[in-house]
Every structure is written in C-alpha cells, then in structure tokens.
Amino acid sequence: MIKFGFRIRTRSGTPVDHLAVQAQDQARAERRIHQMYPHCEIIECTQMATVPKDETVSLESIISLIARQDDEAR
C-alpha cells in the first residue's frame, strides 16, 4: 500500500489540506477521496514517502528503549 497526500476543494468551495489515503495506486486513492467528498476538486496529489516498519522487535531493542527512557527521566 502506498500513502498519498491530497489537497482538495469541496463542492461548497472549502479547501481541505493534508488528507492522507493509503491505496494500491493513485487512481484508487482518488476514487476513495471522491467517495468521502462527492463532487470535490482534487487540487494536488502527492505520493508520500513511506518508511518500512521493522517487523521484528528484539528483546535487546526493547530493553535499550526502556533504559533510554529511564536515563531521560533522571
């Protein structure tokens, strides 16, 4: 899934910025925007950079995170 950022103008003329939609491609993201905001005008569409999540979390990384938080609290 790719994340897309949108700027739109609603049918009443109100601008809406910073809409984010995840979809497989831009056409599907635009379709989803038009479902949420019927008769809107898409002003801008940008593909947002996605950072892959680290699926594996080790015990060492959790312990280091807790230790770091303890050090910051002191």
PDB file of N, CA and C in Angstrom:
ATOM      1  N   MET A   1       0.847  -1.182   0.000  1.00  0.00           N
ATOM      2  CA  MET A   1       0.000   0.000   0.000  1.00  0.00           C
ATOM      3  C   MET A   1       0.892   1.245   0.000  1.00  0.00           C
ATOM      4  N   ILE A   2       0.461   2.213  -0.748  1.00  0.00           N
ATOM      5  CA  ILE A   2       1.184   3.471  -0.878  1.00  0.00           C
ATOM      6  C   ILE A   2       0.332   4.557  -0.234  1.00  0.00           C
ATOM      7  N   LYS A   3       0.976   5.495   0.425  1.00  0.00           N
ATOM      8  CA  LYS A   3       0.253   6.591   1.056  1.00  0.00           C
ATOM      9  C   LYS A   3       0.303   7.811   0.139  1.00  0.00           C
ATOM     10  N   PHE A   4      -0.861   8.419  -0.086  1.00  0.00           N
ATOM     11  CA  PHE A   4      -0.979   9.600  -0.929  1.00  0.00           C
ATOM     12  C   PHE A   4      -1.510  10.762  -0.100  1.00  0.00           C
ATOM     13  N   GLY A   5      -0.981  11.954  -0.360  1.00  0.00           N
ATOM     14  CA  GLY A   5      -1.450  13.165   0.294  1.00  0.00           C
ATOM     15  C   GLY A   5      -2.234  14.006  -0.701  1.00  0.00           C
ATOM     16  N   PHE A   6      -3.348  14.563  -0.250  1.00  0.00           N
ATOM     17  CA  PHE A   6      -4.229  15.326  -1.136  1.00  0.00           C
ATOM     18  C   PHE A   6      -4.525  16.709  -0.583  1.00  0.00           C
ATOM     19  N   ARG A   7      -4.701  17.643  -1.498  1.00  0.00           N
ATOM     20  CA  ARG A   7      -5.324  18.942  -1.232  1.00  0.00           C
ATOM     21  C   ARG A   7      -6.534  18.986  -2.140  1.00  0.00           C
ATOM     22  N   ILE A   8      -7.705  19.278  -1.561  1.00  0.00           N
ATOM     23  CA  ILE A   8      -8.925  19.295  -2.364  1.00  0.00           C
ATOM     24  C   ILE A   8      -9.723  20.557  -2.089  1.00  0.00           C
ATOM     25  N   ARG A   9     -10.705  20.782  -2.946  1.00  0.00           N
ATOM     26  CA  ARG A   9     -11.698  21.831  -2.730  1.00  0.00           C
ATOM     27  C   ARG A   9     -13.052  21.128  -2.754  1.00  0.00           C
ATOM     28  N   THR A  10     -13.823  21.272  -1.679  1.00  0.00           N
ATOM     29  CA  THR A  10     -15.123  20.613  -1.602  1.00  0.00           C
ATOM     30  C   THR A  10     -16.096  21.283  -2.562  1.00  0.00           C
ATOM     31  N   ARG A  11     -17.261  20.657  -2.743  1.00  0.00           N
ATOM     32  CA  ARG A  11     -18.238  21.228  -3.678  1.00  0.00           C
ATOM     33  C   ARG A  11     -18.752  22.581  -3.219  1.00  0.00           C
ATOM     34  N   SER A  12     -18.635  22.876  -1.917  1.00  0.00           N
ATOM     35  CA  SER A  12     -19.045  24.192  -1.421  1.00  0.00           C
ATOM     36  C   SER A  12     -17.925  25.216  -1.537  1.00  0.00           C
ATOM     37  N   GLY A  13     -16.731  24.779  -1.974  1.00  0.00           N
ATOM     38  CA  GLY A  13     -15.620  25.695  -2.178  1.00  0.00           C
ATOM     39  C   GLY A  13     -14.621  25.758  -1.040  1.00  0.00           C
ATOM     40  N   THR A  14     -14.831  24.978   0.002  1.00  0.00           N
ATOM     41  CA  THR A  14     -13.931  24.981   1.151  1.00  0.00           C
ATOM     42  C   THR A  14     -12.674  24.164   0.838  1.00  0.00           C
ATOM     43  N   PRO A  15     -11.493  24.766   1.009  1.00  0.00           N
ATOM     44  CA  PRO A  15     -10.270  23.989   0.777  1.00  0.00           C
ATOM     45  C   PRO A  15      -9.983  23.058   1.961  1.00  0.00           C
ATOM     46  N   VAL A  16      -9.518  21.859   1.649  1.00  0.00           N
ATOM     47  CA  VAL A  16      -9.142  20.886   2.675  1.00  0.00           C
ATOM     48  C   VAL A  16      -7.728  20.428   2.349  1.00  0.00           C
ATOM     49  N   ASP A  17      -6.817  20.622   3.282  1.00  0.00           N
ATOM     50  CA  ASP A  17      -5.416  20.247   3.099  1.00  0.00           C
ATOM     51  C   ASP A  17      -5.092  19.030   3.955  1.00  0.00           C
ATOM     52  N   HIS A  18      -3.984  18.405   3.640  1.00  0.00           N
ATOM     53  CA  HIS A  18      -3.397  17.326   4.446  1.00  0.00           C
ATOM     54  C   HIS A  18      -4.308  16.107   4.592  1.00  0.00           C
ATOM     55  N   LEU A  19      -4.990  15.723   3.524  1.00  0.00           N
ATOM     56  CA  LEU A  19      -5.733  14.467   3.537  1.00  0.00           C
ATOM     57  C   LEU A  19      -4.769  13.356   3.162  1.00  0.00           C
ATOM     58  N   ALA A  20      -4.759  12.293   3.914  1.00  0.00           N
ATOM     59  CA  ALA A  20      -3.872  11.165   3.624  1.00  0.00           C
ATOM     60  C   ALA A  20      -4.713   9.915   3.417  1.00  0.00           C
ATOM     61  N   VAL A  21      -4.404   9.195   2.326  1.00  0.00           N
ATOM     62  CA  VAL A  21      -5.134   7.981   1.977  1.00  0.00           C
ATOM     63  C   VAL A  21      -4.127   6.914   1.576  1.00  0.00           C
ATOM     64  N   GLN A  22      -4.322   5.700   2.061  1.00  0.00           N
ATOM     65  CA  GLN A  22      -3.489   4.579   1.626  1.00  0.00           C
ATOM     66  C   GLN A  22      -4.256   3.791   0.578  1.00  0.00           C
ATOM     67  N   ALA A  23      -3.581   3.488  -0.521  1.00  0.00           N
ATOM     68  CA  ALA A  23      -4.200   2.716  -1.595  1.00  0.00           C
ATOM     69  C   ALA A  23      -3.117   2.010  -2.395  1.00  0.00           C
ATOM     70  N   GLN A  24      -3.539   1.130  -3.300  1.00  0.00           N
ATOM     71  CA  GLN A  24      -2.583   0.395  -4.120  1.00  0.00           C
ATOM     72  C   GLN A  24      -1.998   1.257  -5.224  1.00  0.00           C
ATOM     73  N   ASP A  25      -2.771   2.235  -5.708  1.00  0.00           N
ATOM     74  CA  ASP A  25      -2.271   3.153  -6.728  1.00  0.00           C
ATOM     75  C   ASP A  25      -3.023   4.477  -6.622  1.00  0.00           C
ATOM     76  N   GLN A  26      -2.594   5.459  -7.416  1.00  0.00           N
ATOM     77  CA  GLN A  26      -3.159   6.805  -7.321  1.00  0.00           C
ATOM     78  C   GLN A  26      -4.625   6.828  -7.737  1.00  0.00           C
ATOM     79  N   ALA A  27      -4.995   6.052  -8.739  1.00  0.00           N
ATOM     80  CA  ALA A  27      -6.389   6.036  -9.200  1.00  0.00           C
ATOM     81  C   ALA A  27      -7.325   5.560  -8.092  1.00  0.00           C
ATOM     82  N   ARG A  28      -6.922   4.541  -7.359  1.00  0.00           N
ATOM     83  CA  ARG A  28      -7.757   4.048  -6.257  1.00  0.00           C
ATOM     84  C   ARG A  28      -7.809   5.043  -5.105  1.00  0.00           C
ATOM     85  N   ALA A  29      -6.712   5.742  -4.866  1.00  0.00           N
ATOM     86  CA  ALA A  29      -6.703   6.766  -3.818  1.00  0.00           C
ATOM     87  C   ALA A  29      -7.647   7.907  -4.187  1.00  0.00           C
ATOM     88  N   GLU A  30      -7.611   8.331  -5.451  1.00  0.00           N
ATOM     89  CA  GLU A  30      -8.514   9.395  -5.899  1.00  0.00           C
ATOM     90  C   GLU A  30      -9.968   8.943  -5.817  1.00  0.00           C
ATOM     91  N   ARG A  31     -10.233   7.694  -6.155  1.00  0.00           N
ATOM     92  CA  ARG A  31     -11.596   7.168  -6.057  1.00  0.00           C
ATOM     93  C   ARG A  31     -12.082   7.215  -4.614  1.00  0.00           C
ATOM     94  N   ARG A  32     -11.203   6.877  -3.678  1.00  0.00           N
ATOM     95  CA  ARG A  32     -11.572   6.911  -2.263  1.00  0.00           C
ATOM     96  C   ARG A  32     -11.853   8.345  -1.800  1.00  0.00           C
ATOM     97  N   ILE A  33     -11.053   9.299  -2.276  1.00  0.00           N
ATOM     98  CA  ILE A  33     -11.297  10.713  -1.934  1.00  0.00           C
ATOM     99  C   ILE A  33     -12.659  11.148  -2.454  1.00  0.00           C
ATOM    100  N   HIS A  34     -12.986  10.760  -3.699  1.00  0.00           N
ATOM    101  CA  HIS A  34     -14.284  11.139  -4.276  1.00  0.00           C
ATOM    102  C   HIS A  34     -15.444  10.444  -3.565  1.00  0.00           C
ATOM    103  N   GLN A  35     -15.211   9.289  -2.963  1.00  0.00           N
ATOM    104  CA  GLN A  35     -16.257   8.643  -2.169  1.00  0.00           C
ATOM    105  C   GLN A  35     -16.505   9.410  -0.876  1.00  0.00           C
ATOM    106  N   MET A  36     -15.432   9.912  -0.263  1.00  0.00           N
ATOM    107  CA  MET A  36     -15.571  10.644   1.003  1.00  0.00           C
ATOM    108  C   MET A  36     -16.063  12.068   0.786  1.00  0.00           C
ATOM    109  N   TYR A  37     -15.647  12.683  -0.332  1.00  0.00           N
ATOM    110  CA  TYR A  37     -16.008  14.063  -0.648  1.00  0.00           C
ATOM    111  C   TYR A  37     -16.606  14.101  -2.058  1.00  0.00           C
ATOM    112  N   PRO A  38     -17.896  13.760  -2.202  1.00  0.00           N
ATOM    113  CA  PRO A  38     -18.506  13.746  -3.540  1.00  0.00           C
ATOM    114  C   PRO A  38     -18.429  15.122  -4.207  1.00  0.00           C
ATOM    115  N   HIS A  39     -18.180  15.133  -5.500  1.00  0.00           N
ATOM    116  CA  HIS A  39     -18.127  16.347  -6.326  1.00  0.00           C
ATOM    117  C   HIS A  39     -17.015  17.301  -5.898  1.00  0.00           C
ATOM    118  N   CYS A  40     -15.950  16.777  -5.286  1.00  0.00           N
ATOM    119  CA  CYS A  40     -14.830  17.637  -4.906  1.00  0.00           C
ATOM    120  C   CYS A  40     -13.882  17.792  -6.087  1.00  0.00           C
ATOM    121  N   GLU A  41     -13.027  18.801  -5.991  1.00  0.00           N
ATOM    122  CA  GLU A  41     -11.988  19.030  -6.994  1.00  0.00           C
ATOM    123  C   GLU A  41     -10.648  18.721  -6.343  1.00  0.00           C
ATOM    124  N   ILE A  42      -9.896  17.815  -6.933  1.00  0.00           N
ATOM    125  CA  ILE A  42      -8.571  17.488  -6.410  1.00  0.00           C
ATOM    126  C   ILE A  42      -7.594  18.528  -6.931  1.00  0.00           C
ATOM    127  N   ILE A  43      -7.013  19.296  -6.025  1.00  0.00           N
ATOM    128  CA  ILE A  43      -6.075  20.358  -6.392  1.00  0.00           C
ATOM    129  C   ILE A  43      -4.670  19.797  -6.537  1.00  0.00           C
ATOM    130  N   GLU A  44      -4.285  18.923  -5.610  1.00  0.00           N
ATOM    131  CA  GLU A  44      -2.922  18.378  -5.613  1.00  0.00           C
ATOM    132  C   GLU A  44      -2.935  16.966  -5.046  1.00  0.00           C
ATOM    133  N   CYS A  45      -2.122  16.114  -5.632  1.00  0.00           N
ATOM    134  CA  CYS A  45      -1.938  14.753  -5.123  1.00  0.00           C
ATOM    135  C   CYS A  45      -0.449  14.457  -5.120  1.00  0.00           C
ATOM    136  N   THR A  46       0.075  14.060  -3.977  1.00  0.00           N
ATOM    137  CA  THR A  46       1.488  13.716  -3.874  1.00  0.00           C
ATOM    138  C   THR A  46       1.625  12.336  -3.246  1.00  0.00           C
ATOM    139  N   GLN A  47       2.620  11.610  -3.713  1.00  0.00           N
ATOM    140  CA  GLN A  47       2.911  10.313  -3.120  1.00  0.00           C
ATOM    141  C   GLN A  47       3.842  10.553  -1.946  1.00  0.00           C
ATOM    142  N   MET A  48       3.418  10.120  -0.771  1.00  0.00           N
ATOM    143  CA  MET A  48       4.190  10.354   0.442  1.00  0.00           C
ATOM    144  C   MET A  48       5.207   9.236   0.611  1.00  0.00           C
ATOM    145  N   ALA A  49       6.366   9.602   1.111  1.00  0.00           N
ATOM    146  CA  ALA A  49       7.416   8.609   1.357  1.00  0.00           C
ATOM    147  C   ALA A  49       7.007   7.750   2.545  1.00  0.00           C
ATOM    148  N   THR A  50       7.101   6.459   2.368  1.00  0.00           N
ATOM    149  CA  THR A  50       6.772   5.550   3.457  1.00  0.00           C
ATOM    150  C   THR A  50       8.041   4.876   3.936  1.00  0.00           C
ATOM    151  N   VAL A  51       8.141   4.757   5.222  1.00  0.00           N
ATOM    152  CA  VAL A  51       9.289   4.097   5.839  1.00  0.00           C
ATOM    153  C   VAL A  51       8.845   2.697   6.223  1.00  0.00           C
ATOM    154  N   PRO A  52       9.523   1.682   5.733  1.00  0.00           N
ATOM    155  CA  PRO A  52       9.111   0.320   6.093  1.00  0.00           C
ATOM    156  C   PRO A  52       9.269   0.086   7.591  1.00  0.00           C
ATOM    157  N   LYS A  53       8.259  -0.509   8.158  1.00  0.00           N
ATOM    158  CA  LYS A  53       8.305  -0.794   9.589  1.00  0.00           C
ATOM    159  C   LYS A  53       9.197  -1.996   9.838  1.00  0.00           C
ATOM    160  N   ASP A  54       9.914  -1.926  10.945  1.00  0.00           N
ATOM    161  CA  ASP A  54      10.738  -3.060  11.348  1.00  0.00           C
ATOM    162  C   ASP A  54       9.807  -4.081  11.998  1.00  0.00           C
ATOM    163  N   GLU A  55       9.520  -5.139  11.284  1.00  0.00           N
ATOM    164  CA  GLU A  55       8.561  -6.131  11.756  1.00  0.00           C
ATOM    165  C   GLU A  55       9.088  -6.936  12.940  1.00  0.00           C
ATOM    166  N   THR A  56      10.387  -7.088  13.018  1.00  0.00           N
ATOM    167  CA  THR A  56      10.944  -7.883  14.101  1.00  0.00           C
ATOM    168  C   THR A  56      11.448  -6.963  15.205  1.00  0.00           C
ATOM    169  N   VAL A  57      10.965  -7.187  16.392  1.00  0.00           N
ATOM    170  CA  VAL A  57      11.403  -6.419  17.549  1.00  0.00           C
ATOM    171  C   VAL A  57      12.119  -7.384  18.478  1.00  0.00           C
ATOM    172  N   SER A  58      13.354  -7.066  18.765  1.00  0.00           N
ATOM    173  CA  SER A  58      14.122  -7.965  19.619  1.00  0.00           C
ATOM    174  C   SER A  58      14.013  -7.526  21.076  1.00  0.00           C
ATOM    175  N   LEU A  59      14.309  -8.438  21.952  1.00  0.00           N
ATOM    176  CA  LEU A  59      14.300  -8.154  23.380  1.00  0.00           C
ATOM    177  C   LEU A  59      15.324  -7.078  23.712  1.00  0.00           C
ATOM    178  N   GLU A  60      16.473  -7.114  23.029  1.00  0.00           N
ATOM    179  CA  GLU A  60      17.521  -6.119  23.279  1.00  0.00           C
ATOM    180  C   GLU A  60      17.054  -4.708  22.918  1.00  0.00           C
ATOM    181  N   SER A  61      16.302  -4.575  21.822  1.00  0.00           N
ATOM    182  CA  SER A  61      15.840  -3.240  21.428  1.00  0.00           C
ATOM    183  C   SER A  61      14.815  -2.698  22.414  1.00  0.00           C
ATOM    184  N   ILE A  62      13.981  -3.569  22.968  1.00  0.00           N
ATOM    185  CA  ILE A  62      13.001  -3.136  23.966  1.00  0.00           C
ATOM    186  C   ILE A  62      13.704  -2.711  25.247  1.00  0.00           C
ATOM    187  N   ILE A  63      14.693  -3.482  25.689  1.00  0.00           N
ATOM    188  CA  ILE A  63      15.433  -3.146  26.909  1.00  0.00           C
ATOM    189  C   ILE A  63      16.181  -1.831  26.732  1.00  0.00           C
ATOM    190  N   SER A  64      16.799  -1.623  25.568  1.00  0.00           N
ATOM    191  CA  SER A  64      17.526  -0.368  25.347  1.00  0.00           C
ATOM    192  C   SER A  64      16.571   0.820  25.306  1.00  0.00           C
ATOM    193  N   LEU A  65      15.363   0.630  24.778  1.00  0.00           N
ATOM    194  CA  LEU A  65      14.372   1.704  24.762  1.00  0.00           C
ATOM    195  C   LEU A  65      13.946   2.066  26.179  1.00  0.00           C
ATOM    196  N   ILE A  66      13.704   1.064  27.013  1.00  0.00           N
ATOM    197  CA  ILE A  66      13.320   1.309  28.407  1.00  0.00           C
ATOM    198  C   ILE A  66      14.461   1.988  29.158  1.00  0.00           C
ATOM    199  N   ALA A  67      15.687   1.528  28.951  1.00  0.00           N
ATOM    200  CA  ALA A  67      16.841   2.118  29.632  1.00  0.00           C
ATOM    201  C   ALA A  67      17.027   3.571  29.213  1.00  0.00           C
ATOM    202  N   ARG A  68      16.812   3.860  27.929  1.00  0.00           N
ATOM    203  CA  ARG A  68      16.948   5.232  27.436  1.00  0.00           C
ATOM    204  C   ARG A  68      15.907   6.147  28.077  1.00  0.00           C
ATOM    205  N   GLN A  69      14.680   5.647  28.232  1.00  0.00           N
ATOM    206  CA  GLN A  69      13.628   6.445  28.854  1.00  0.00           C
ATOM    207  C   GLN A  69      13.934   6.693  30.324  1.00  0.00           C
ATOM    208  N   ASP A  70      14.510   5.702  31.007  1.00  0.00           N
ATOM    209  CA  ASP A  70      14.884   5.876  32.406  1.00  0.00           C
ATOM    210  C   ASP A  70      15.975   6.935  32.548  1.00  0.00           C
ATOM    211  N   ASP A  71      16.952   6.929  31.636  1.00  0.00           N
ATOM    212  CA  ASP A  71      18.036   7.915  31.680  1.00  0.00           C
ATOM    213  C   ASP A  71      17.513   9.325  31.433  1.00  0.00           C
ATOM    214  N   GLU A  72      16.545   9.479  30.541  1.00  0.00           N
ATOM    215  CA  GLU A  72      15.984  10.802  30.237  1.00  0.00           C
ATOM    216  C   GLU A  72      15.155  11.333  31.397  1.00  0.00           C
ATOM    217  N   ALA A  73      14.532  10.444  32.161  1.00  0.00           N
ATOM    218  CA  ALA A  73      13.694  10.853  33.283  1.00  0.00           C
ATOM    219  C   ALA A  73      14.520  11.371  34.451  1.00  0.00           C
ATOM    220  N   ARG A  74      15.779  10.979  34.522  1.00  0.00           N
ATOM    221  CA  ARG A  74      16.633  11.384  35.659  1.00  0.00           C
ATOM    222  C   ARG A  74      17.194  12.716  35.460  1.00  0.00           C
TER     223      ARG A  74
END
